[in-house]
Amino acid sequence: MLFLKKIKANKGGYVMNILTDDEIDKQSLQKAVCLFETGKINSFQVGTTKALCDIHFAIFEGLYDFAGTIRTVNISKGGTRFCQAMFLESNLAIIEKMPQTNFDEIVEKYVEMNMAHPFREGNGRATRIWLDQIFKKELKKVIDWSKVDKQEYLMAMERSPLKDLEIKYVLQNALTDDYENRQVIFKGLACSYIIEGMNEEYANDYVKKYLPKTDLL
C-alpha cells in the first residue's frame, strides 16, 4: 500500500511524496522509540481516548495525514468489520469509561478498543502502547512483547470479541513487573512492529542502540 505525504517545496507551496508501508514502518518505529526516550509518553492521560490519539499522532506524525485523528470512514480487515464510523465517537466515550483496576478489566477494555479501531491505519501499534501504559499505571506491570508469539496473539485477538479468555491467557503469561527495564521497553516496541509485518532483523537492529551494551537481542 502507498500513502501520500504532503511536504513543503523549496519555493513555497506543497508537493506530495509517496511513502511505502516499509518506509512508514521504519520512520514510525523511530518515532515510537523517541516517544519513550524523551519521556513524552508519561505526559499522556492513561486509558483515555485522547491518550490513544496522542500516541497515534506521536508515532505517525508526518507519515499519515490523519495521524491522531478519529476516522470518519468504515474499515474492515479480513473478515472483521470494525465499529461503524457513525457510532465511533459514542462507542469511544463508553470504552473510555470502562474500569481498568485489574488485569481482566484492562484486557476487556483493550479488546473493546481494538474492535473500535479508531484510526484508518496504525491501530495495533498505537493501542499496544496504550495498553502497556494502563498496565503500568494500574498494576505496575507491562507486557514483555518478546515473550508473545505473533501468531497466537493475532489469532487470539481475532477471536477476542466472542471469547477473550485466549487473549487474556496470552497476555497474562507475558506480564512482567520489570516495567522500567530499557530492554523490555525497546525490544517490546520492536516486537510490536514485527507483529504488524515489519522486517524482524531491521526492527531488532534498530532498537539495539537504545539498549545497554550488556543486553543482546
Protein backbone atom coordinates (compact mmCIF):
# COMPACT_ATOMS: atom_id res chain seq x y z
CA MET A 1 0.00 0.00 0.00
CA LEU A 2 1.21 3.53 -0.80
CA PHE A 3 0.45 6.68 1.17
CA LEU A 4 0.84 10.29 0.13
CA LYS A 5 2.84 12.52 2.44
CA LYS A 6 2.47 16.30 1.96
CA ILE A 7 5.84 18.07 2.29
CA LYS A 8 6.93 21.68 1.78
CA ALA A 9 8.52 22.56 -1.53
CA ASN A 10 11.65 24.73 -1.75
CA LYS A 11 9.81 27.77 -3.13
CA GLY A 12 6.69 27.58 -1.04
CA GLY A 13 3.58 25.52 -1.50
CA TYR A 14 3.44 21.75 -1.12
CA VAL A 15 4.30 18.66 -3.11
CA MET A 16 3.16 15.10 -2.49
CA ASN A 17 5.71 12.43 -1.62
CA ILE A 18 4.76 8.74 -1.83
CA LEU A 19 5.71 6.54 1.12
CA THR A 20 5.60 2.76 1.06
CA ASP A 21 4.42 0.68 4.03
CA ASP A 22 8.05 -0.28 4.71
CA GLU A 23 9.18 3.35 4.83
CA ILE A 24 6.28 4.27 7.12
CA ASP A 25 7.10 1.38 9.45
CA LYS A 26 10.75 2.37 9.76
CA GLN A 27 10.05 6.04 10.41
CA SER A 28 7.22 5.21 12.80
CA LEU A 29 9.42 2.88 14.86
CA GLN A 30 11.94 5.70 15.19
CA LYS A 31 9.17 7.99 16.42
CA ALA A 32 7.93 5.35 18.87
CA VAL A 33 11.40 4.96 20.36
CA CYS A 34 11.66 8.76 20.65
CA LEU A 35 8.30 8.85 22.46
CA PHE A 36 9.79 6.76 25.27
CA GLU A 37 13.36 8.08 25.10
CA THR A 38 12.16 11.66 25.66
CA GLY A 39 9.68 10.68 28.36
CA LYS A 40 6.82 12.30 26.44
CA ILE A 41 4.78 9.13 26.84
CA ASN A 42 4.48 9.92 30.56
CA SER A 43 2.56 13.14 29.87
CA PHE A 44 -0.49 11.38 28.40
CA GLN A 45 -3.69 10.75 30.38
CA VAL A 46 -3.60 6.97 30.72
CA GLY A 47 -6.56 4.93 29.49
CA THR A 48 -8.32 7.76 27.67
CA THR A 49 -9.23 8.15 24.02
CA LYS A 50 -7.18 11.34 23.96
CA ALA A 51 -4.13 9.43 25.16
CA LEU A 52 -4.57 6.94 22.32
CA CYS A 53 -4.92 9.80 19.82
CA ASP A 54 -1.80 11.44 21.28
CA ILE A 55 0.15 8.20 20.92
CA HIS A 56 -1.06 7.69 17.36
CA PHE A 57 -0.13 11.26 16.47
CA ALA A 58 3.32 10.91 18.05
CA ILE A 59 4.25 7.76 16.12
CA PHE A 60 2.66 8.67 12.78
CA GLU A 61 3.04 12.46 12.58
CA GLY A 62 4.22 13.41 9.10
CA LEU A 63 3.58 9.88 7.83
CA TYR A 64 -0.23 9.81 7.72
CA ASP A 65 -2.22 13.00 7.21
CA PHE A 66 -4.80 11.51 9.60
CA ALA A 67 -2.30 10.89 12.42
CA GLY A 68 -4.10 11.17 15.76
CA THR A 69 -7.47 11.75 14.09
CA ILE A 70 -10.53 9.57 14.68
CA ARG A 71 -11.62 8.07 11.36
CA THR A 72 -14.82 9.08 9.58
CA VAL A 73 -14.88 6.13 7.19
CA ASN A 74 -15.83 2.48 7.74
CA ILE A 75 -13.00 -0.05 7.76
CA SER A 76 -12.58 -3.82 7.89
CA LYS A 77 -9.70 -6.29 7.96
CA GLY A 78 -10.04 -9.84 6.71
CA GLY A 79 -13.44 -10.97 7.89
CA THR A 80 -13.61 -8.45 10.72
CA ARG A 81 -15.72 -5.31 10.39
CA PHE A 82 -14.84 -2.69 12.97
CA CYS A 83 -17.14 -0.15 14.60
CA GLN A 84 -19.08 1.86 12.02
CA ALA A 85 -17.84 5.42 11.77
CA MET A 86 -21.26 6.89 12.60
CA PHE A 87 -21.18 5.18 16.01
CA LEU A 88 -17.46 5.54 16.71
CA GLU A 89 -17.44 8.69 18.84
CA SER A 90 -20.19 7.42 21.14
CA ASN A 91 -18.57 3.98 21.44
CA LEU A 92 -15.22 5.53 22.32
CA ALA A 93 -16.87 7.52 25.10
CA ILE A 94 -18.27 4.28 26.52
CA ILE A 95 -14.94 2.47 26.23
CA GLU A 96 -13.11 5.31 27.96
CA LYS A 97 -15.40 4.92 30.99
CA MET A 98 -14.77 1.17 31.29
CA PRO A 99 -12.98 0.25 34.55
CA GLN A 100 -9.28 -0.61 34.48
CA THR A 101 -8.49 -1.60 38.05
CA ASN A 102 -7.39 -5.21 37.48
CA PHE A 103 -5.97 -7.46 34.76
CA ASP A 104 -9.30 -8.72 33.43
CA GLU A 105 -10.83 -5.23 33.24
CA ILE A 106 -7.78 -3.85 31.44
CA VAL A 107 -7.76 -6.59 28.80
CA GLU A 108 -11.52 -6.28 28.30
CA LYS A 109 -11.09 -2.54 27.73
CA TYR A 110 -8.26 -3.27 25.28
CA VAL A 111 -10.40 -5.75 23.35
CA GLU A 112 -13.19 -3.18 23.02
CA MET A 113 -10.76 -0.50 21.85
CA ASN A 114 -9.36 -2.89 19.28
CA MET A 115 -12.86 -3.55 17.95
CA ALA A 116 -13.45 0.20 17.77
CA HIS A 117 -10.27 0.56 15.65
CA PRO A 118 -10.47 4.37 15.79
CA PHE A 119 -7.88 5.12 13.10
CA ARG A 120 -7.68 4.34 9.39
CA GLU A 121 -4.24 2.71 9.88
CA GLY A 122 -1.82 2.08 12.72
CA ASN A 123 -4.33 0.91 15.32
CA GLY A 124 -2.37 -2.09 16.59
CA ARG A 125 0.92 -0.29 17.17
CA ALA A 126 -0.71 2.65 18.94
CA THR A 127 -3.13 0.57 21.01
CA ARG A 128 -0.45 -1.81 22.32
CA ILE A 129 1.46 1.19 23.69
CA TRP A 130 -1.82 2.49 25.17
CA LEU A 131 -2.43 -0.92 26.77
CA ASP A 132 1.01 -1.06 28.36
CA GLN A 133 0.56 2.40 29.85
CA ILE A 134 -2.64 1.22 31.56
CA PHE A 135 -0.91 -1.88 32.92
CA LYS A 136 1.97 0.24 34.16
CA LYS A 137 -0.26 2.74 35.95
CA GLU A 138 -2.74 0.31 37.47
CA LEU A 139 -0.70 -2.86 38.10
CA LYS A 140 2.94 -1.68 37.96
CA LYS A 141 3.43 -4.19 35.16
CA VAL A 142 3.76 -4.23 31.36
CA ILE A 143 3.66 -6.84 28.64
CA ASP A 144 7.04 -8.25 27.63
CA TRP A 145 6.15 -8.47 23.94
CA SER A 146 9.26 -10.52 23.22
CA LYS A 147 7.50 -13.38 25.05
CA VAL A 148 4.35 -13.14 22.95
CA ASP A 149 4.04 -15.49 19.98
CA LYS A 150 2.92 -13.44 16.98
CA GLN A 151 0.51 -15.99 15.53
CA GLU A 152 -1.00 -16.92 18.90
CA TYR A 153 -1.57 -13.25 19.65
CA LEU A 154 -3.13 -12.44 16.27
CA MET A 155 -5.45 -15.45 16.40
CA ALA A 156 -6.44 -14.66 19.98
CA MET A 157 -7.19 -11.04 19.07
CA GLU A 158 -9.27 -12.14 16.09
CA ARG A 159 -11.39 -14.34 18.37
CA SER A 160 -11.43 -11.92 21.32
CA PRO A 161 -14.78 -10.19 20.52
CA LEU A 162 -16.55 -13.53 21.03
CA LYS A 163 -14.29 -15.01 23.70
CA ASP A 164 -11.50 -13.12 25.47
CA LEU A 165 -10.11 -15.98 27.57
CA GLU A 166 -7.47 -16.79 24.95
CA ILE A 167 -6.03 -13.27 24.68
CA LYS A 168 -6.09 -12.99 28.47
CA TYR A 169 -4.03 -16.19 28.67
CA VAL A 170 -1.53 -14.95 26.06
CA LEU A 171 -1.03 -11.58 27.76
CA GLN A 172 -1.05 -12.93 31.32
CA ASN A 173 1.89 -15.21 30.51
CA ALA A 174 3.90 -12.25 29.22
CA LEU A 175 3.27 -9.82 32.10
CA THR A 176 6.36 -8.51 33.88
CA ASP A 177 6.91 -6.07 36.73
CA ASP A 178 10.22 -5.00 35.14
CA TYR A 179 8.48 -2.04 33.51
CA GLU A 180 11.43 0.36 33.73
CA ASN A 181 13.85 -2.04 32.05
CA ARG A 182 15.01 -0.49 28.76
CA GLN A 183 15.35 -3.92 27.23
CA VAL A 184 11.69 -4.69 27.94
CA ILE A 185 10.60 -1.28 26.62
CA PHE A 186 12.58 -1.10 23.40
CA LYS A 187 12.58 -4.79 22.48
CA GLY A 188 8.85 -4.61 23.15
CA LEU A 189 8.45 -1.83 20.60
CA ALA A 190 10.41 -3.84 18.04
CA CYS A 191 8.19 -6.88 18.64
CA SER A 192 5.05 -4.76 18.34
CA TYR A 193 6.13 -3.59 14.88
CA ILE A 194 7.13 -7.13 13.90
CA ILE A 195 3.60 -8.25 14.77
CA GLU A 196 2.36 -5.82 12.11
CA GLY A 197 4.70 -7.31 9.49
CA MET A 198 7.87 -5.25 9.88
CA ASN A 199 11.15 -6.91 8.94
CA GLU A 200 12.33 -8.64 12.12
CA GLU A 201 16.04 -8.09 11.52
CA TYR A 202 15.60 -4.36 10.90
CA ALA A 203 13.36 -3.83 13.93
CA ASN A 204 15.72 -5.64 16.30
CA ASP A 205 18.83 -3.99 14.89
CA TYR A 206 17.31 -0.51 15.17
CA VAL A 207 16.44 -0.74 18.87
CA LYS A 208 19.83 -2.25 19.78
CA LYS A 209 21.38 1.22 20.01
CA TYR A 210 18.99 2.09 22.84
CA LEU A 211 19.85 -0.95 24.95
CA PRO A 212 22.68 -1.30 27.48
CA LYS A 213 25.67 -2.94 25.81
CA THR A 214 25.27 -6.00 28.05
CA ASP A 215 21.80 -6.69 26.59
CA LEU A 216 21.75 -8.75 23.43
CA LEU A 217 18.75 -9.33 21.19
